[in-house]
């Protein structure tokens, strides 16, 4: 999904964890970022930051602000994939 020139994966949390595990297994490392409304705002003003986000291995949707922005622009965010929920579940699978 593209929102104000920033790409993010509009996927569910379980899928995000599976994709991250797969990335780490295939590359031994991965750039995974959590995108919220503040990130979108900063990416509009900072092209370098926007480029980093758009070149990441995986950018996940994080927060109600992003959900509302996606909705206002005609989309639907499938699930909030915030770091607080993602990290413990990923660590349980990775260990």
N, C-alpha and C. Protein backbone atom coordinates (compact mmCIF):
# COMPACT_ATOMS: atom_id res chain seq x y z
N UNK A 1 0.85 -1.16 0.00
CA UNK A 1 0.00 0.00 0.00
C UNK A 1 0.90 1.23 0.00
N UNK A 2 0.51 2.24 -0.72
CA UNK A 2 1.27 3.49 -0.77
C UNK A 2 0.41 4.59 -0.15
N UNK A 3 0.99 5.32 0.79
CA UNK A 3 0.28 6.39 1.48
C UNK A 3 1.18 7.61 1.49
N UNK A 4 0.78 8.65 0.76
CA UNK A 4 1.56 9.90 0.69
C UNK A 4 3.03 9.64 0.35
N UNK A 5 3.24 8.84 -0.67
CA UNK A 5 4.57 8.50 -1.19
C UNK A 5 5.41 7.63 -0.27
N UNK A 6 4.79 6.97 0.68
CA UNK A 6 5.49 6.03 1.55
C UNK A 6 4.79 4.68 1.43
N UNK A 7 5.57 3.64 1.15
CA UNK A 7 5.03 2.29 1.00
C UNK A 7 5.00 1.57 2.34
N UNK A 8 3.93 0.80 2.55
CA UNK A 8 3.90 -0.12 3.68
C UNK A 8 3.15 -1.37 3.29
N UNK A 9 3.46 -2.45 4.00
CA UNK A 9 2.81 -3.73 3.75
C UNK A 9 1.51 -3.78 4.53
N UNK A 10 0.42 -3.89 3.83
CA UNK A 10 -0.89 -3.93 4.46
C UNK A 10 -1.24 -5.39 4.75
N UNK A 11 -0.59 -5.92 5.80
CA UNK A 11 -0.73 -7.34 6.13
C UNK A 11 -1.10 -7.50 7.60
N UNK A 12 -1.51 -8.69 7.94
CA UNK A 12 -1.85 -9.01 9.33
C UNK A 12 -0.58 -9.33 10.11
N UNK A 13 -0.66 -9.26 11.41
CA UNK A 13 0.49 -9.46 12.28
C UNK A 13 1.13 -10.84 12.09
N UNK A 14 0.32 -11.88 12.01
CA UNK A 14 0.88 -13.22 11.80
C UNK A 14 1.70 -13.29 10.51
N UNK A 15 1.19 -12.69 9.46
CA UNK A 15 1.90 -12.67 8.18
C UNK A 15 3.18 -11.86 8.30
N UNK A 16 3.14 -10.75 9.04
CA UNK A 16 4.33 -9.92 9.24
C UNK A 16 5.43 -10.71 9.94
N UNK A 17 5.06 -11.49 10.92
CA UNK A 17 6.04 -12.31 11.63
C UNK A 17 6.61 -13.38 10.71
N UNK A 18 5.76 -14.05 9.95
CA UNK A 18 6.22 -15.06 9.00
C UNK A 18 7.18 -14.44 7.97
N UNK A 19 6.82 -13.28 7.45
CA UNK A 19 7.69 -12.62 6.46
C UNK A 19 9.03 -12.23 7.06
N UNK A 20 9.02 -11.74 8.29
CA UNK A 20 10.26 -11.34 8.94
C UNK A 20 11.16 -12.55 9.18
N UNK A 21 10.59 -13.64 9.66
CA UNK A 21 11.36 -14.87 9.86
C UNK A 21 11.96 -15.32 8.54
N UNK A 22 11.18 -15.28 7.49
CA UNK A 22 11.67 -15.67 6.17
C UNK A 22 12.80 -14.76 5.69
N UNK A 23 12.66 -13.46 5.89
CA UNK A 23 13.71 -12.51 5.51
C UNK A 23 15.01 -12.80 6.25
N UNK A 24 14.89 -13.02 7.55
CA UNK A 24 16.09 -13.26 8.36
C UNK A 24 16.76 -14.57 7.94
N UNK A 25 15.97 -15.59 7.66
CA UNK A 25 16.54 -16.87 7.23
C UNK A 25 17.24 -16.74 5.88
N UNK A 26 16.67 -15.97 4.97
CA UNK A 26 17.24 -15.87 3.63
C UNK A 26 18.38 -14.86 3.53
N UNK A 27 18.37 -13.82 4.38
CA UNK A 27 19.36 -12.75 4.28
C UNK A 27 20.26 -12.65 5.50
N UNK A 28 19.90 -13.32 6.57
CA UNK A 28 20.59 -13.26 7.85
C UNK A 28 20.37 -11.93 8.58
N UNK A 29 19.72 -10.98 7.94
CA UNK A 29 19.34 -9.72 8.58
C UNK A 29 18.26 -9.08 7.73
N UNK A 30 17.54 -8.13 8.30
CA UNK A 30 16.50 -7.43 7.55
C UNK A 30 16.21 -6.09 8.21
N UNK A 31 15.81 -5.14 7.41
CA UNK A 31 15.37 -3.83 7.90
C UNK A 31 13.85 -3.87 7.99
N UNK A 32 13.34 -3.88 9.21
CA UNK A 32 11.91 -3.90 9.44
C UNK A 32 11.57 -2.64 10.24
N UNK A 33 10.65 -1.85 9.70
CA UNK A 33 10.26 -0.60 10.35
C UNK A 33 8.77 -0.61 10.63
N UNK A 34 8.39 0.15 11.64
CA UNK A 34 6.98 0.33 12.00
C UNK A 34 6.60 1.76 11.64
N UNK A 35 5.61 1.90 10.78
CA UNK A 35 5.20 3.19 10.24
C UNK A 35 3.97 3.69 10.96
N UNK A 36 4.08 4.89 11.54
CA UNK A 36 2.92 5.52 12.17
C UNK A 36 2.68 6.88 11.53
N UNK A 37 1.70 7.60 12.01
CA UNK A 37 1.34 8.89 11.42
C UNK A 37 2.49 9.89 11.50
N UNK A 38 3.24 9.87 12.59
CA UNK A 38 4.38 10.79 12.72
C UNK A 38 5.45 10.48 11.68
N UNK A 39 5.68 9.21 11.40
CA UNK A 39 6.64 8.82 10.37
C UNK A 39 6.20 9.35 9.00
N UNK A 40 4.92 9.24 8.70
CA UNK A 40 4.39 9.75 7.43
C UNK A 40 4.62 11.26 7.35
N UNK A 41 4.34 11.96 8.43
CA UNK A 41 4.54 13.41 8.47
C UNK A 41 6.01 13.76 8.23
N UNK A 42 6.90 13.09 8.93
CA UNK A 42 8.33 13.37 8.77
C UNK A 42 8.83 13.01 7.37
N UNK A 43 8.29 11.95 6.80
CA UNK A 43 8.70 11.52 5.46
C UNK A 43 8.29 12.53 4.39
N UNK A 44 7.26 13.32 4.66
CA UNK A 44 6.86 14.35 3.71
C UNK A 44 7.87 15.49 3.66
N UNK A 45 8.54 15.72 4.76
CA UNK A 45 9.48 16.83 4.87
C UNK A 45 10.93 16.41 4.62
N UNK A 46 11.22 15.13 4.77
CA UNK A 46 12.60 14.64 4.70
C UNK A 46 12.70 13.52 3.66
N UNK A 47 13.19 13.88 2.47
CA UNK A 47 13.28 12.92 1.38
C UNK A 47 14.20 11.75 1.72
N UNK A 48 15.29 12.01 2.43
CA UNK A 48 16.20 10.94 2.81
C UNK A 48 15.53 9.91 3.69
N UNK A 49 14.76 10.38 4.66
CA UNK A 49 14.02 9.49 5.55
C UNK A 49 12.99 8.69 4.75
N UNK A 50 12.29 9.36 3.86
CA UNK A 50 11.30 8.68 3.01
C UNK A 50 11.98 7.59 2.17
N UNK A 51 13.15 7.89 1.64
CA UNK A 51 13.88 6.90 0.85
C UNK A 51 14.30 5.69 1.67
N UNK A 52 14.71 5.93 2.92
CA UNK A 52 15.06 4.82 3.81
C UNK A 52 13.85 3.93 4.05
N UNK A 53 12.71 4.54 4.34
CA UNK A 53 11.49 3.76 4.55
C UNK A 53 11.13 2.96 3.30
N UNK A 54 11.20 3.60 2.15
CA UNK A 54 10.80 2.94 0.91
C UNK A 54 11.79 1.88 0.43
N UNK A 55 12.99 1.88 0.99
CA UNK A 55 13.96 0.86 0.60
C UNK A 55 14.09 -0.27 1.64
N UNK A 56 13.29 -0.20 2.69
CA UNK A 56 13.33 -1.22 3.74
C UNK A 56 12.82 -2.55 3.23
N UNK A 57 13.24 -3.61 3.91
CA UNK A 57 12.75 -4.95 3.57
C UNK A 57 11.27 -5.10 3.90
N UNK A 58 10.84 -4.46 4.98
CA UNK A 58 9.46 -4.59 5.42
C UNK A 58 9.08 -3.36 6.24
N UNK A 59 7.98 -2.72 5.87
CA UNK A 59 7.45 -1.58 6.63
C UNK A 59 6.04 -1.96 7.05
N UNK A 60 5.81 -1.94 8.35
CA UNK A 60 4.54 -2.42 8.91
C UNK A 60 3.69 -1.28 9.45
N UNK A 61 2.38 -1.37 9.31
CA UNK A 61 1.48 -0.32 9.78
C UNK A 61 1.36 -0.32 11.30
N UNK A 62 1.47 0.88 11.88
CA UNK A 62 1.46 1.00 13.33
C UNK A 62 0.61 2.18 13.77
N UNK A 63 -0.54 1.91 14.31
CA UNK A 63 -1.30 2.96 14.98
C UNK A 63 -2.58 3.39 14.31
N UNK A 64 -3.44 3.97 15.13
CA UNK A 64 -4.75 4.43 14.68
C UNK A 64 -4.62 5.60 13.72
N UNK A 65 -3.59 6.43 13.89
CA UNK A 65 -3.38 7.55 12.98
C UNK A 65 -3.16 7.09 11.56
N UNK A 66 -2.37 6.04 11.39
CA UNK A 66 -2.13 5.49 10.06
C UNK A 66 -3.39 4.83 9.52
N UNK A 67 -4.14 4.19 10.40
CA UNK A 67 -5.40 3.56 9.99
C UNK A 67 -6.38 4.61 9.47
N UNK A 68 -6.50 5.71 10.19
CA UNK A 68 -7.41 6.79 9.78
C UNK A 68 -6.92 7.42 8.47
N UNK A 69 -5.63 7.70 8.36
CA UNK A 69 -5.09 8.30 7.14
C UNK A 69 -5.33 7.39 5.94
N UNK A 70 -5.12 6.09 6.13
CA UNK A 70 -5.36 5.13 5.05
C UNK A 70 -6.83 5.15 4.64
N UNK A 71 -7.71 5.17 5.62
CA UNK A 71 -9.14 5.20 5.36
C UNK A 71 -9.54 6.49 4.63
N UNK A 72 -9.01 7.63 5.09
CA UNK A 72 -9.34 8.91 4.46
C UNK A 72 -8.91 8.96 3.00
N UNK A 73 -7.87 8.22 2.66
CA UNK A 73 -7.38 8.20 1.28
C UNK A 73 -7.92 7.00 0.49
N UNK A 74 -8.99 6.37 1.03
CA UNK A 74 -9.71 5.34 0.28
C UNK A 74 -9.25 3.91 0.50
N UNK A 75 -8.37 3.68 1.46
CA UNK A 75 -7.89 2.32 1.73
C UNK A 75 -8.44 1.76 3.02
N UNK A 76 -7.96 0.58 3.35
CA UNK A 76 -8.34 -0.06 4.61
C UNK A 76 -7.13 -0.80 5.15
N UNK A 77 -6.68 -0.41 6.33
CA UNK A 77 -5.56 -1.08 6.98
C UNK A 77 -6.07 -2.37 7.60
N UNK A 78 -5.43 -3.48 7.25
CA UNK A 78 -5.91 -4.79 7.72
C UNK A 78 -5.75 -4.99 9.22
N UNK A 79 -4.57 -4.62 9.74
CA UNK A 79 -4.32 -4.84 11.16
C UNK A 79 -3.19 -3.94 11.63
N UNK A 80 -3.25 -3.54 12.87
CA UNK A 80 -2.20 -2.74 13.49
C UNK A 80 -1.05 -3.69 13.85
N UNK A 81 0.09 -3.49 13.23
CA UNK A 81 1.25 -4.36 13.46
C UNK A 81 2.31 -3.60 14.27
N UNK A 82 1.94 -3.10 15.42
CA UNK A 82 2.88 -2.30 16.21
C UNK A 82 3.98 -3.15 16.84
N UNK A 83 5.07 -2.49 17.16
CA UNK A 83 6.24 -3.17 17.72
C UNK A 83 5.98 -3.85 19.05
N UNK A 84 5.09 -3.29 19.85
CA UNK A 84 4.78 -3.88 21.17
C UNK A 84 4.13 -5.25 21.04
N UNK A 85 3.35 -5.44 20.01
CA UNK A 85 2.73 -6.75 19.77
C UNK A 85 3.66 -7.65 18.96
N UNK A 86 4.35 -7.05 17.99
CA UNK A 86 5.20 -7.80 17.09
C UNK A 86 6.42 -8.41 17.80
N UNK A 87 7.14 -7.61 18.57
CA UNK A 87 8.44 -8.03 19.12
C UNK A 87 8.37 -9.29 19.96
N UNK A 88 7.50 -9.41 20.97
CA UNK A 88 7.49 -10.64 21.76
C UNK A 88 7.11 -11.87 20.95
N UNK A 89 6.18 -11.69 20.01
CA UNK A 89 5.77 -12.84 19.19
C UNK A 89 6.89 -13.25 18.24
N UNK A 90 7.59 -12.27 17.68
CA UNK A 90 8.72 -12.59 16.80
C UNK A 90 9.83 -13.27 17.58
N UNK A 91 10.13 -12.77 18.75
CA UNK A 91 11.20 -13.37 19.57
C UNK A 91 10.86 -14.80 19.97
N UNK A 92 9.60 -15.06 20.24
CA UNK A 92 9.21 -16.42 20.61
C UNK A 92 9.42 -17.38 19.46
N UNK A 93 9.21 -16.93 18.24
CA UNK A 93 9.42 -17.77 17.07
C UNK A 93 10.90 -17.87 16.72
N UNK A 94 11.61 -16.79 16.89
CA UNK A 94 13.03 -16.72 16.49
C UNK A 94 13.96 -17.49 17.44
N UNK A 95 13.56 -17.64 18.68
CA UNK A 95 14.44 -18.29 19.65
C UNK A 95 14.33 -19.79 19.67
